[in-house]
Structure formats: C-alpha cells, structure tokens
Protein backbone atom coordinates (compact mmCIF):
# COMPACT_ATOMS: atom_id res chain seq x y z
CA UNK A 1 137.69 59.96 157.77
CA UNK A 2 137.42 58.80 161.34
CA UNK A 3 138.86 60.62 164.40
CA UNK A 4 141.76 58.15 164.71
CA UNK A 5 142.90 58.81 161.02
CA UNK A 6 142.59 62.59 161.56
CA UNK A 7 144.55 62.47 164.76
CA UNK A 8 147.29 60.46 162.99
CA UNK A 9 147.53 63.01 160.14
CA UNK A 10 147.68 65.91 162.56
CA UNK A 11 150.48 64.23 164.47
CA UNK A 12 152.50 63.62 161.29
CA UNK A 13 151.83 67.23 160.20
CA UNK A 14 153.06 68.57 163.51
CA UNK A 15 156.20 66.30 163.17
CA UNK A 16 156.79 67.74 159.71
CA UNK A 17 156.32 71.30 161.06
CA UNK A 18 158.84 70.62 163.84
CA UNK A 19 161.31 69.25 161.38
CA UNK A 20 160.89 72.34 159.26
CA UNK A 21 161.37 74.63 162.26
CA UNK A 22 164.57 72.73 163.30
CA UNK A 23 165.93 72.90 159.81
CA UNK A 24 165.34 76.62 159.53
CA UNK A 25 166.80 77.29 162.97
CA UNK A 26 163.82 79.41 163.95
CA UNK A 27 160.64 78.68 165.93
CA UNK A 28 157.29 79.93 164.69
CA UNK A 29 154.50 79.19 167.18
CA UNK A 30 151.91 80.20 164.69
CA UNK A 31 153.40 78.13 161.86
CA UNK A 32 150.22 76.13 161.34
CA UNK A 33 147.75 78.43 163.24
CA UNK A 34 147.01 80.99 160.57
CA UNK A 35 146.28 79.08 157.38
CA UNK A 36 143.59 81.59 156.35
CA UNK A 37 146.07 84.42 156.29
CA UNK A 38 148.56 82.24 154.38
CA UNK A 39 145.85 81.34 151.75
CA UNK A 40 144.68 84.88 151.42
CA UNK A 41 148.08 86.48 150.95
CA UNK A 42 149.39 83.85 148.48
CA UNK A 43 146.16 83.85 146.44
CA UNK A 44 146.22 87.63 146.27
CA UNK A 45 149.86 87.63 145.17
CA UNK A 46 149.00 84.87 142.51
CA UNK A 47 146.10 86.92 141.24
CA UNK A 48 148.39 90.06 140.88
CA UNK A 49 151.12 88.04 139.07
CA UNK A 50 148.54 86.63 136.53
CA UNK A 51 147.02 90.18 136.08
CA UNK A 52 150.40 91.48 135.04
CA UNK A 53 150.69 88.44 132.80
CA UNK A 54 147.42 89.01 131.00
CA UNK A 55 147.36 92.85 131.08
CA UNK A 56 149.09 93.31 127.61
CA UNK A 57 146.61 90.94 125.92
CA UNK A 58 144.08 93.70 125.39
CA UNK A 59 146.62 96.57 124.96
CA UNK A 60 148.95 94.87 122.64
CA UNK A 61 148.09 97.11 119.63
CA UNK A 62 148.36 100.24 121.79
CA UNK A 63 151.65 99.19 123.28
CA UNK A 64 153.09 98.13 120.02
CA UNK A 65 152.12 101.48 118.48
CA UNK A 66 153.61 103.44 121.39
CA UNK A 67 156.87 101.47 121.33
CA UNK A 68 156.96 101.37 117.49
CA UNK A 69 157.11 97.58 117.61
CA UNK A 70 156.93 95.92 114.17
CA UNK A 71 154.59 92.90 113.72
CA UNK A 72 157.60 90.53 113.62
CA UNK A 73 158.65 91.55 117.15
CA UNK A 74 155.23 91.66 118.79
CA UNK A 75 155.51 88.10 119.99
CA UNK A 76 158.27 89.34 122.41
CA UNK A 77 155.75 91.77 124.09
CA UNK A 78 153.75 88.80 124.98
CA UNK A 79 156.51 86.24 125.52
CA UNK A 80 158.74 88.20 127.81
CA UNK A 81 156.78 87.28 130.98
CA UNK A 82 156.41 83.59 130.16
CA UNK A 83 160.06 83.42 129.31
CA UNK A 84 161.01 84.59 132.78
CA UNK A 85 158.42 82.30 134.30
CA UNK A 86 159.51 79.17 132.34
CA UNK A 87 163.25 79.81 133.01
CA UNK A 88 162.98 80.34 136.74
CA UNK A 89 159.96 78.52 138.12
CA UNK A 90 161.80 75.29 138.85
CA UNK A 91 164.69 77.35 140.20
CA UNK A 92 162.36 79.30 142.42
CA UNK A 93 160.69 76.24 143.75
CA UNK A 94 164.04 74.67 144.70
CA UNK A 95 165.27 77.91 146.31
CA UNK A 96 162.05 78.32 148.24
CA UNK A 97 162.35 74.80 149.66
CA UNK A 98 165.99 75.33 150.65
CA UNK A 99 166.13 78.90 151.73
CA UNK A 100 162.73 79.62 153.03
CA UNK A 101 159.41 79.86 151.20
CA UNK A 102 158.34 83.07 152.96
CA UNK A 103 161.59 84.64 152.12
CA UNK A 104 161.42 83.73 148.37
CA UNK A 105 157.75 84.58 148.28
CA UNK A 106 158.10 88.13 149.66
CA UNK A 107 161.26 88.87 147.67
CA UNK A 108 159.47 87.75 144.42
CA UNK A 109 156.33 89.82 145.07
CA UNK A 110 158.36 92.88 145.93
CA UNK A 111 160.50 92.46 142.74
CA UNK A 112 157.27 91.99 140.71
CA UNK A 113 156.05 95.35 141.92
CA UNK A 114 159.34 97.03 140.99
CA UNK A 115 159.53 95.27 137.54
CA UNK A 116 155.96 96.13 136.62
CA UNK A 117 156.39 99.86 137.59
CA UNK A 118 159.63 99.94 135.48
CA UNK A 119 157.72 98.43 132.62
CA UNK A 120 155.48 101.53 132.61
CA UNK A 121 158.43 103.71 132.02
CA UNK A 122 159.98 101.69 129.20
CA UNK A 123 160.77 103.78 126.08
CA UNK A 124 161.44 100.98 123.68
CA UNK A 125 160.51 97.48 122.71
CA UNK A 126 163.75 96.10 124.06
CA UNK A 127 163.50 97.69 127.50
CA UNK A 128 159.81 96.77 127.80
CA UNK A 129 160.70 93.18 126.92
CA UNK A 130 163.37 93.13 129.57
CA UNK A 131 160.89 94.51 132.16
CA UNK A 132 158.49 91.69 131.18
CA UNK A 133 161.09 89.10 131.55
CA UNK A 134 161.90 90.49 134.99
CA UNK A 135 158.11 90.36 135.81
CA UNK A 136 158.08 86.72 134.80
CA UNK A 137 161.10 85.91 136.93
CA UNK A 138 159.72 87.57 139.94
CA UNK A 139 156.35 85.87 139.36
CA UNK A 140 158.22 82.53 139.20
CA UNK A 141 159.57 83.16 142.71
CA UNK A 142 156.12 83.92 144.18
CA UNK A 143 154.13 81.26 142.34
CA UNK A 144 156.59 78.45 143.02
CA UNK A 145 156.72 79.30 146.79
CA UNK A 146 153.01 79.82 147.09
CA UNK A 147 151.99 76.22 147.01
CA UNK A 148 154.83 75.29 149.38
CA UNK A 149 153.48 77.80 151.83
CA UNK A 150 149.95 76.44 151.52
CA UNK A 151 151.06 72.82 152.00
CA UNK A 152 152.93 73.83 155.14
CA UNK A 153 149.87 75.77 156.44
CA UNK A 154 147.26 73.02 155.80
CA UNK A 155 148.04 69.81 157.67
CA UNK A 156 145.38 67.45 156.23
CA UNK A 157 144.74 66.29 152.68
CA UNK A 158 141.19 67.68 152.77
CA UNK A 159 142.47 71.06 153.77
CA UNK A 160 145.07 71.11 151.05
CA UNK A 161 142.49 70.20 148.46
CA UNK A 162 140.23 73.05 149.50
CA UNK A 163 143.15 75.56 149.71
CA UNK A 164 144.72 74.60 146.39
CA UNK A 165 141.32 74.73 144.76
CA UNK A 166 140.95 78.37 145.97
CA UNK A 167 144.52 79.16 144.90
CA UNK A 168 143.74 77.67 141.40
CA UNK A 169 140.60 79.80 141.20
CA UNK A 170 142.68 82.86 141.78
CA UNK A 171 144.87 81.95 138.95
CA UNK A 172 141.79 82.20 136.75
CA UNK A 173 140.58 85.23 138.66
CA UNK A 174 143.90 87.11 137.92
CA UNK A 175 143.60 86.13 134.25
CA UNK A 176 140.13 87.54 134.25
CA UNK A 177 140.76 90.78 136.02
CA UNK A 178 144.11 91.67 134.36
CA UNK A 179 142.63 92.75 130.92
CA UNK A 180 139.71 94.59 132.63
CA UNK A 181 142.30 96.72 134.65
CA UNK A 182 144.43 97.35 131.56
CA UNK A 183 141.42 98.14 129.31
CA UNK A 184 139.79 100.45 131.72
CA UNK A 185 142.85 102.67 132.22
CA UNK A 186 143.52 105.73 130.12
CA UNK A 187 146.84 104.24 128.99
CA UNK A 188 148.66 100.89 129.33
CA UNK A 189 151.46 102.64 131.28
CA UNK A 190 149.01 103.71 134.06
CA UNK A 191 147.75 100.13 134.20
CA UNK A 192 151.25 98.95 134.89
CA UNK A 193 151.77 101.52 137.64
CA UNK A 194 148.50 100.39 139.35
CA UNK A 195 149.55 96.75 139.13
CA UNK A 196 153.00 97.52 140.44
CA UNK A 197 151.60 99.23 143.47
CA UNK A 198 149.29 96.35 144.13
CA UNK A 199 152.18 93.83 144.14
CA UNK A 200 154.11 96.05 146.59
CA UNK A 201 151.15 96.18 148.88
CA UNK A 202 150.79 92.40 148.82
CA UNK A 203 154.47 92.04 149.45
CA UNK A 204 154.07 94.04 152.65
CA UNK A 205 151.21 91.86 153.82
CA UNK A 206 153.26 88.79 153.21
CA UNK A 207 156.23 90.27 155.21
CA UNK A 208 153.93 90.75 158.17
CA UNK A 209 151.45 87.88 157.96
CA UNK A 210 153.34 84.82 156.70
CA UNK A 211 155.48 82.34 158.73
CA UNK A 212 158.69 80.83 157.44
CA UNK A 213 159.10 77.22 156.39
CA UNK A 214 161.56 75.21 154.31
CA UNK A 215 162.44 71.61 153.44
CA UNK A 216 164.18 69.68 156.20
CA UNK A 217 166.44 68.01 153.53
CA UNK A 218 170.20 68.37 154.04
CA UNK A 219 172.51 69.76 151.29
CA UNK A 220 173.11 72.75 149.24
CA UNK A 221 171.11 74.35 146.37
CA UNK A 222 171.99 72.99 142.89
CA UNK A 223 173.37 76.20 141.51
CA UNK A 224 174.97 74.67 138.36
CA UNK A 225 171.79 72.72 137.47
CA UNK A 226 169.73 75.93 138.08
CA UNK A 227 171.87 77.83 135.72
CA UNK A 228 171.93 75.15 133.06
CA UNK A 229 168.08 74.68 133.23
CA UNK A 230 167.36 78.40 132.93
CA UNK A 231 169.77 78.87 130.03
CA UNK A 232 168.29 75.94 128.21
CA UNK A 233 164.82 77.35 128.54
CA UNK A 234 165.92 80.89 127.43
CA UNK A 235 167.59 79.43 124.31
CA UNK A 236 164.54 77.31 123.47
CA UNK A 237 161.98 80.09 124.00
CA UNK A 238 164.10 82.55 121.96
CA UNK A 239 164.32 79.99 119.13
CA UNK A 240 160.50 79.40 119.25
CA UNK A 241 159.92 83.08 119.11
CA UNK A 242 162.34 83.81 116.27
CA UNK A 243 161.45 80.66 114.37
CA UNK A 244 158.15 82.25 113.07
CA UNK A 245 160.36 84.09 110.54
CA UNK A 246 162.08 80.90 109.33
CA UNK A 247 163.24 77.74 111.18
CA UNK A 248 166.39 77.16 109.17
CA UNK A 249 168.05 80.51 109.84
CA UNK A 250 171.42 80.31 111.54
CA UNK A 251 170.30 82.10 114.81
CA UNK A 252 167.32 79.72 115.27
CA UNK A 253 169.36 76.57 114.57
CA UNK A 254 172.13 77.70 116.96
CA UNK A 255 169.61 78.53 119.69
CA UNK A 256 167.96 75.12 119.26
CA UNK A 257 171.26 73.26 119.35
CA UNK A 258 172.22 75.23 122.41
CA UNK A 259 168.89 74.34 124.12
CA UNK A 260 169.58 70.62 123.48
CA UNK A 261 173.16 70.79 124.70
CA UNK A 262 172.27 72.68 127.84
CA UNK A 263 169.39 70.26 128.57
CA UNK A 264 171.92 67.41 128.35
CA UNK A 265 174.19 69.23 130.76
CA UNK A 266 171.32 69.78 133.15
CA UNK A 267 170.35 66.06 133.03
CA UNK A 268 174.03 64.99 133.69
CA UNK A 269 174.28 67.47 136.67
CA UNK A 270 171.03 66.36 138.27
CA UNK A 271 172.19 62.72 138.14
CA UNK A 272 175.45 63.52 139.87
CA UNK A 273 174.53 66.06 142.68
CA UNK A 274 173.39 64.83 146.05
CA UNK A 275 170.60 67.34 146.33
CA UNK A 276 169.25 67.83 142.77
CA UNK A 277 166.99 70.71 141.77
CA UNK A 278 164.68 68.02 140.38
CA UNK A 279 164.83 64.35 140.84
CA UNK A 280 164.69 62.89 137.31
CA UNK A 281 163.46 59.64 138.64
CA UNK A 282 160.23 61.48 139.27
CA UNK A 283 159.52 61.36 135.56
CA UNK A 284 158.86 57.70 135.86
CA UNK A 285 156.03 58.42 138.29
CA UNK A 286 152.72 58.57 136.31
CA UNK A 287 151.48 61.37 138.58
CA UNK A 288 154.46 63.58 138.11
CA UNK A 289 154.56 63.01 134.38
CA UNK A 290 150.77 63.84 134.21
CA UNK A 291 151.42 67.08 136.03
CA UNK A 292 154.32 68.05 133.71
CA UNK A 293 152.49 67.03 130.46
CA UNK A 294 149.31 68.67 131.65
CA UNK A 295 151.18 71.92 132.33
CA UNK A 296 152.94 71.88 128.88
CA UNK A 297 149.69 71.38 126.96
CA UNK A 298 147.80 73.87 129.04
CA UNK A 299 150.32 76.41 127.94
CA UNK A 300 150.59 75.30 124.34
CA UNK A 301 146.86 74.79 123.54
CA UNK A 302 145.00 77.10 125.99
CA UNK A 303 147.27 79.95 126.91
CA UNK A 304 148.93 80.19 123.56
CA UNK A 305 145.55 80.84 121.75
CA UNK A 306 143.88 83.06 124.29
CA UNK A 307 146.97 85.22 124.67
CA UNK A 308 146.69 86.50 121.15
CA UNK A 309 142.98 85.99 120.57
CA UNK A 310 142.02 89.49 122.14
CA UNK A 311 144.29 91.31 119.56
CA UNK A 312 142.76 89.31 116.71
CA UNK A 313 139.34 90.32 117.87
CA UNK A 314 140.34 94.06 118.12
CA UNK A 315 141.83 94.02 114.63
CA UNK A 316 139.10 91.89 112.96
CA UNK A 317 135.94 93.21 114.74
CA UNK A 318 137.04 96.65 115.73
CA UNK A 319 136.52 96.21 119.37
CA UNK A 320 138.05 98.58 121.95
CA UNK A 321 140.33 97.40 124.64
CA UNK A 322 137.64 97.59 127.35
CA UNK A 323 135.12 95.88 125.15
CA UNK A 324 137.56 93.06 124.38
CA UNK A 325 138.33 92.74 128.09
CA UNK A 326 134.59 92.32 128.87
CA UNK A 327 134.28 89.71 126.18
CA UNK A 328 137.38 87.89 127.41
CA UNK A 329 135.82 87.94 130.85
CA UNK A 330 133.24 85.36 129.64
CA UNK A 331 136.02 82.82 129.23
CA UNK A 332 138.27 83.78 132.16
CA UNK A 333 135.25 84.53 134.55
CA UNK A 334 133.75 81.15 133.79
CA UNK A 335 137.20 79.57 134.38
CA UNK A 336 137.32 81.31 137.87
CA UNK A 337 133.91 80.08 138.91
CA UNK A 338 134.51 76.51 137.76
CA UNK A 339 137.96 76.35 139.29
CA UNK A 340 136.43 77.63 142.65
CA UNK A 341 133.79 74.97 142.58
CA UNK A 342 135.91 72.16 141.29
CA UNK A 343 137.24 71.36 144.74
CA UNK A 344 133.94 69.57 145.40
CA UNK A 345 134.73 67.06 142.72
CA UNK A 346 137.48 65.48 144.85
CA UNK A 347 135.59 62.32 145.65
CA UNK A 348 133.92 61.94 142.30
CA UNK A 349 136.52 62.67 139.72
CA UNK A 350 140.29 62.05 139.86
CA UNK A 351 142.63 64.98 139.10
CA UNK A 352 143.81 63.19 135.86
CA UNK A 353 140.14 62.59 134.77
CA UNK A 354 139.39 66.16 135.53
CA UNK A 355 142.20 67.30 133.23
CA UNK A 356 140.98 64.97 130.36
CA UNK A 357 137.49 66.54 130.62
CA UNK A 358 139.04 70.00 130.78
CA UNK A 359 141.07 69.41 127.62
CA UNK A 360 138.10 68.00 125.75
CA UNK A 361 135.85 70.97 126.77
CA UNK A 362 138.63 73.44 125.56
CA UNK A 363 138.68 71.71 122.29
CA UNK A 364 134.88 71.70 121.91
CA UNK A 365 134.64 75.43 122.80
CA UNK A 366 137.58 76.38 120.50
CA UNK A 367 135.92 74.47 117.60
CA UNK A 368 132.67 76.19 118.42
CA UNK A 369 134.35 79.59 117.69
CA UNK A 370 135.39 78.66 114.14
CA UNK A 371 134.23 81.32 111.71
CA UNK A 372 133.34 83.83 114.36
CA UNK A 373 136.32 86.22 113.62
CA UNK A 374 135.25 86.40 110.04
CA UNK A 375 131.58 86.72 110.68
CA UNK A 376 131.86 90.31 111.92
CA UNK A 377 129.82 89.60 114.99
CA UNK A 378 131.21 89.07 118.45
CA UNK A 379 128.06 87.12 119.57
CA UNK A 380 129.20 84.14 117.58
CA UNK A 381 131.92 83.67 120.08
CA UNK A 382 129.83 83.44 123.16
CA UNK A 383 128.93 79.69 123.34
CA UNK A 384 132.48 78.77 122.51
CA UNK A 385 134.05 81.10 125.08
CA UNK A 386 131.81 79.71 127.79
CA UNK A 387 132.48 76.02 127.07
CA UNK A 388 136.17 76.65 126.81
CA UNK A 389 136.10 78.64 130.07
CA UNK A 390 134.63 75.57 131.87
CA UNK A 391 137.48 73.49 130.49
CA UNK A 392 140.13 76.05 131.56
CA UNK A 393 138.60 76.14 135.07
CA UNK A 394 138.91 72.39 135.50
CA UNK A 395 142.55 72.51 134.25
CA UNK A 396 143.45 75.30 136.58
CA UNK A 397 141.95 73.54 139.56
CA UNK A 398 143.56 70.10 138.81
CA UNK A 399 147.09 71.21 137.90
CA UNK A 400 148.18 72.57 141.36
CA UNK A 401 146.74 69.50 143.12
CA UNK A 402 148.66 67.17 140.77
CA UNK A 403 151.83 69.30 141.34
CA UNK A 404 151.60 68.81 145.08
CA UNK A 405 150.50 65.15 145.01
CA UNK A 406 153.22 64.16 142.57
CA UNK A 407 156.16 64.87 144.96
CA UNK A 408 156.91 64.41 148.65
CA UNK A 409 155.41 66.96 150.93
CA UNK A 410 158.72 68.51 151.75
CA UNK A 411 159.35 69.28 148.06
CA UNK A 412 155.98 70.82 147.27
CA UNK A 413 157.44 73.99 145.92
CA UNK A 414 159.71 72.00 143.56
CA UNK A 415 156.64 70.18 142.31
CA UNK A 416 154.74 73.40 141.77
CA UNK A 417 157.80 74.92 139.98
CA UNK A 418 158.17 71.93 137.66
CA UNK A 419 154.52 71.91 136.49
CA UNK A 420 154.42 75.62 136.02
CA UNK A 421 157.72 75.64 134.16
CA UNK A 422 156.24 73.37 131.58
CA UNK A 423 153.13 75.45 131.48
CA UNK A 424 154.79 78.67 130.61
CA UNK A 425 157.26 77.02 128.31
CA UNK A 426 154.18 75.61 126.47
CA UNK A 427 152.66 79.21 126.46
CA UNK A 428 155.74 80.68 124.87
CA UNK A 429 155.54 78.10 122.08
CA UNK A 430 151.77 78.55 121.77
CA UNK A 431 151.99 82.31 121.42
CA UNK A 432 154.62 81.99 118.77
CA UNK A 433 152.66 79.33 116.97
CA UNK A 434 149.43 81.34 117.03
CA UNK A 435 151.02 84.55 115.69
CA UNK A 436 152.82 82.49 113.01
CA UNK A 437 149.62 80.83 111.80
CA UNK A 438 147.70 84.14 111.70
CA UNK A 439 150.52 86.02 109.97
CA UNK A 440 151.01 83.30 107.34
CA UNK A 441 147.37 82.99 106.37
CA UNK A 442 145.85 84.88 103.31
CA UNK A 443 143.48 86.78 105.65
CA UNK A 444 143.02 87.30 109.36
CA UNK A 445 139.85 85.26 109.60
CA UNK A 446 141.51 82.20 107.93
CA UNK A 447 144.49 82.50 110.19
CA UNK A 448 142.28 82.68 113.34
CA UNK A 449 140.54 79.49 112.20
CA UNK A 450 143.75 77.67 111.62
CA UNK A 451 144.92 78.74 115.04
CA UNK A 452 141.81 77.51 116.68
CA UNK A 453 141.87 74.17 114.82
CA UNK A 454 145.56 73.61 115.97
CA UNK A 455 144.72 74.54 119.54
CA UNK A 456 141.78 72.11 119.64
CA UNK A 457 143.95 69.36 118.10
CA UNK A 458 146.63 69.90 120.69
CA UNK A 459 144.05 69.81 123.49
CA UNK A 460 142.62 66.55 122.20
CA UNK A 461 146.14 65.10 122.00
CA UNK A 462 146.70 66.05 125.58
CA UNK A 463 143.44 64.52 126.66
CA UNK A 464 144.23 61.28 125.00
CA UNK A 465 147.80 61.26 126.43
CA UNK A 466 146.52 61.87 129.93
CA UNK A 467 144.07 58.98 129.54
CA UNK A 468 146.68 56.65 128.24
CA UNK A 469 149.23 57.73 130.75
CA UNK A 470 146.95 56.60 133.51
CA UNK A 471 146.55 53.10 132.01
CA UNK A 472 150.35 52.85 131.52
CA UNK A 473 150.68 53.91 135.17
CA UNK A 474 148.52 51.07 136.28
CA UNK A 475 150.34 48.54 134.10
CA UNK A 476 153.63 49.62 135.50
CA UNK A 477 152.45 49.17 139.06
CA UNK A 478 151.25 45.68 138.47
C-alpha cells in the first residue's frame, strides 16, 4: 500500500470516528489513540468467556454427581451456556451498535462475573443450568461488542486483520485454559469462583480503559425482532436437547413448531422495520452467507464433538480431570498457536479458502482418532488431536474476519453477533447429537467412533459447501 492510499484510509476512518462521536453525543479524544488497550481488554474478556464455556467439559462427571444429574439431563449442563449465547448474540450485537459498544461490553463482562459466581453456589441441576444460560447471555453481550470495539479502534484493513487475528487466537486460548483451570482446582465450584472474579476484574479494566463508540445509523432498536429471534432459538435448542429421548414426543414437536413459527415472525418483522436487527438481504451476499454457514458448521462439527469428548475419555480411559485437561490442551493449544499465526496468511490464502482447509483438517484429525477410545491408550489420540487443532485454529482465525468483512463497518458488532449466533446454535445441536450417538451405541467405544465419523462428515460437507459457495458468488456477480 502506498502513502496516498494509507492517507485516504486514515481520513475515511477519522470521518467515521467523528460520525460515531456525533451520534453518541460524546467526544472521546482518545477514541482511536489506544487500540492496544482495546485489543488487550477485549481479548482478555473473550478468553474468560470461553474459559467459563469450556470449564465444565472436564468436570462434567463430577458436576453431574454433585448435582445428582441423570444421564438424560447432562446435555443441559453443557448446553446452558451455548443456549444463552445463541439466543442473544445477534441481539447483543444490535444493542452494541445502537446503544454503545463499550456500555454493552462492560455490562456483559460484569454480568458474566456474577453469573459464574452464582453458578458455583447452585444446589441443583435446574439452577446450575439457569446460571449457565445467564453466563451465555452475558458472554453474548461481550463477544458481540468486542469486534465492534476492535473495528472502531483500528482504522486500516491491515490493522484490523492483525487485531482480529489476535482476538481469534484468544478464543482458542480461552478454550485451552478453561479445562486446565477447572481440572486443577479442588472442586468445580471453586473453579467457577475464580473465573467469576477474573471476569469482574476485566470488567473494571474495560470501564476504565475503553472508549465509547456506536453506529451512526438513525432509528430505534428492533425490540420485537430481538424477542422473536431469541424465543425461536430457545425453542429450537430446547427441542434439539430433548430430542435425544425421542423426536416424535409432544414437547419436542411443539418446540420445533414454535421455533418455525417464531422464525417466520422474525423474518416478517425484519422486512417491515426501518432499522432491522439484521438485514435479511445480507443473506444474498456470498461473504455473509459464508460467515453464517461457517459458524454453524464449526459449532455443529467441531465444538459439538470436543465439548463431550473429554467426558468420554474420562469414562473410557479412566483419566482424571487434570489429565484430561492436559490432553485436551494438545488440541486447543495447537488451535491457539495456529490462530495467532494465521494472520500472516492474509495475502496468500483467502478467508474462505482458509475455512475450507480448516474443515478438511478437522475431518482428517477426527478420522485419525477412530478406535482410540476403545484401544485403552490415550497416545492413540495424539496425531489426530494435533491435526484437528490446526484445523480449529484456522477456523477461529478466519471466522471473525469474515464476520467483519461481510457487513458495513458501522454494523461490525451485528456481523459478529450473527456469525457467533450460528456458531453456538450449531454447538447446541452438536452436543445433543454427540451425546445421543454415544448413548444409543452398544458400547462407549462404538458410540465415540460413530460421533467422530459424523463430525468428520459434517466438516467435509461444510468444506464442500464453502468452496461451492465461492463459485456461486462469482457466478452471481458476473
């Protein structure tokens, strides 16, 4: 890039910052002068949110025993947080753009700390699940607003690529550290207390170190659309979770019908309001569609399998929580390193190609783990975990960039919320599917193999779909 181009971009960025300041009614002289602080605080909060998300993965057996949770209800212990995330991520993104990204970010991080601490005190499965849903809702607010804050802080495309690459790496880092924290504590309750305090500390840092920004668009928040969307996702996730005990039961059928009806209401509302929560016309954009489909299949194929895999390893191989966490670190740690380094691929591999490669590597790594659970040896898992970790890192690095690039700059938080809504909706379905496959098999090893094959198959379908979507996008533009 030459100096003229850089200067033009800086002027455009300054114009956008001024518009934001005017829309918010407040002046922030340092609005674009402290990008490092913005990146540090948002990345730290993202890591804590993902730590609370993954902490139960290695303590599920202990938590279920303590809360006297039957096997049929254990999916709720894992699906509570993704339910809150899926239901409110898009809402959180819209609220952040309209009411202030700093305000929503700090509120969400503070709420995450309180919800996590309350989860440590939960005496029953129902109350723990409610605390997990609250964790997910709070995480939705901070995750959706994080990318909006980063886009506002970094004025050039190159800066945003580097910043979102670091942010994506901290997604993987949180996934990696969460099980280690939970597994190293004397009890799962103490782990929740520690994570809750960490979230409160980061909220304080955000209150002092972040500058406010919001979208300059006129209009009011789409409250009716937000409620319809959240209710539709709650109904769908509840149906997917309950469906493992039978898909033709009355509650499941009613929940699925309710999800379809509420989705139709949401679409109707979005077409009629002047400032929709999500512009449905964006679904005709190949880039936005790629972001949404990529998020959905990342949750369905990747998160769904690896959320329940630690529990399978503990039960089949007799591993302790901390041993499982260290083994899990091979996957999540590799994902962190790759996501951090993937920003250097910007000029060599497009984001969509990066996702195709990521899904293929996840499939290869997962298929490489076939038979490992029944072998009685954890060493059989090592090659597959490392390969799948590389794939996960590529996905985590590409998805936030796609989310930002697929929408106008002023709606960055909305783009982030949309992609992540699909991601955690997919994870809810993936967890329910994995548990259903392992529970219905004749033995645990056979169920684990079935779950791995299904996960690999879904990843390959996603890779093919992303590749074909790109070609369709070209054809449409010609």
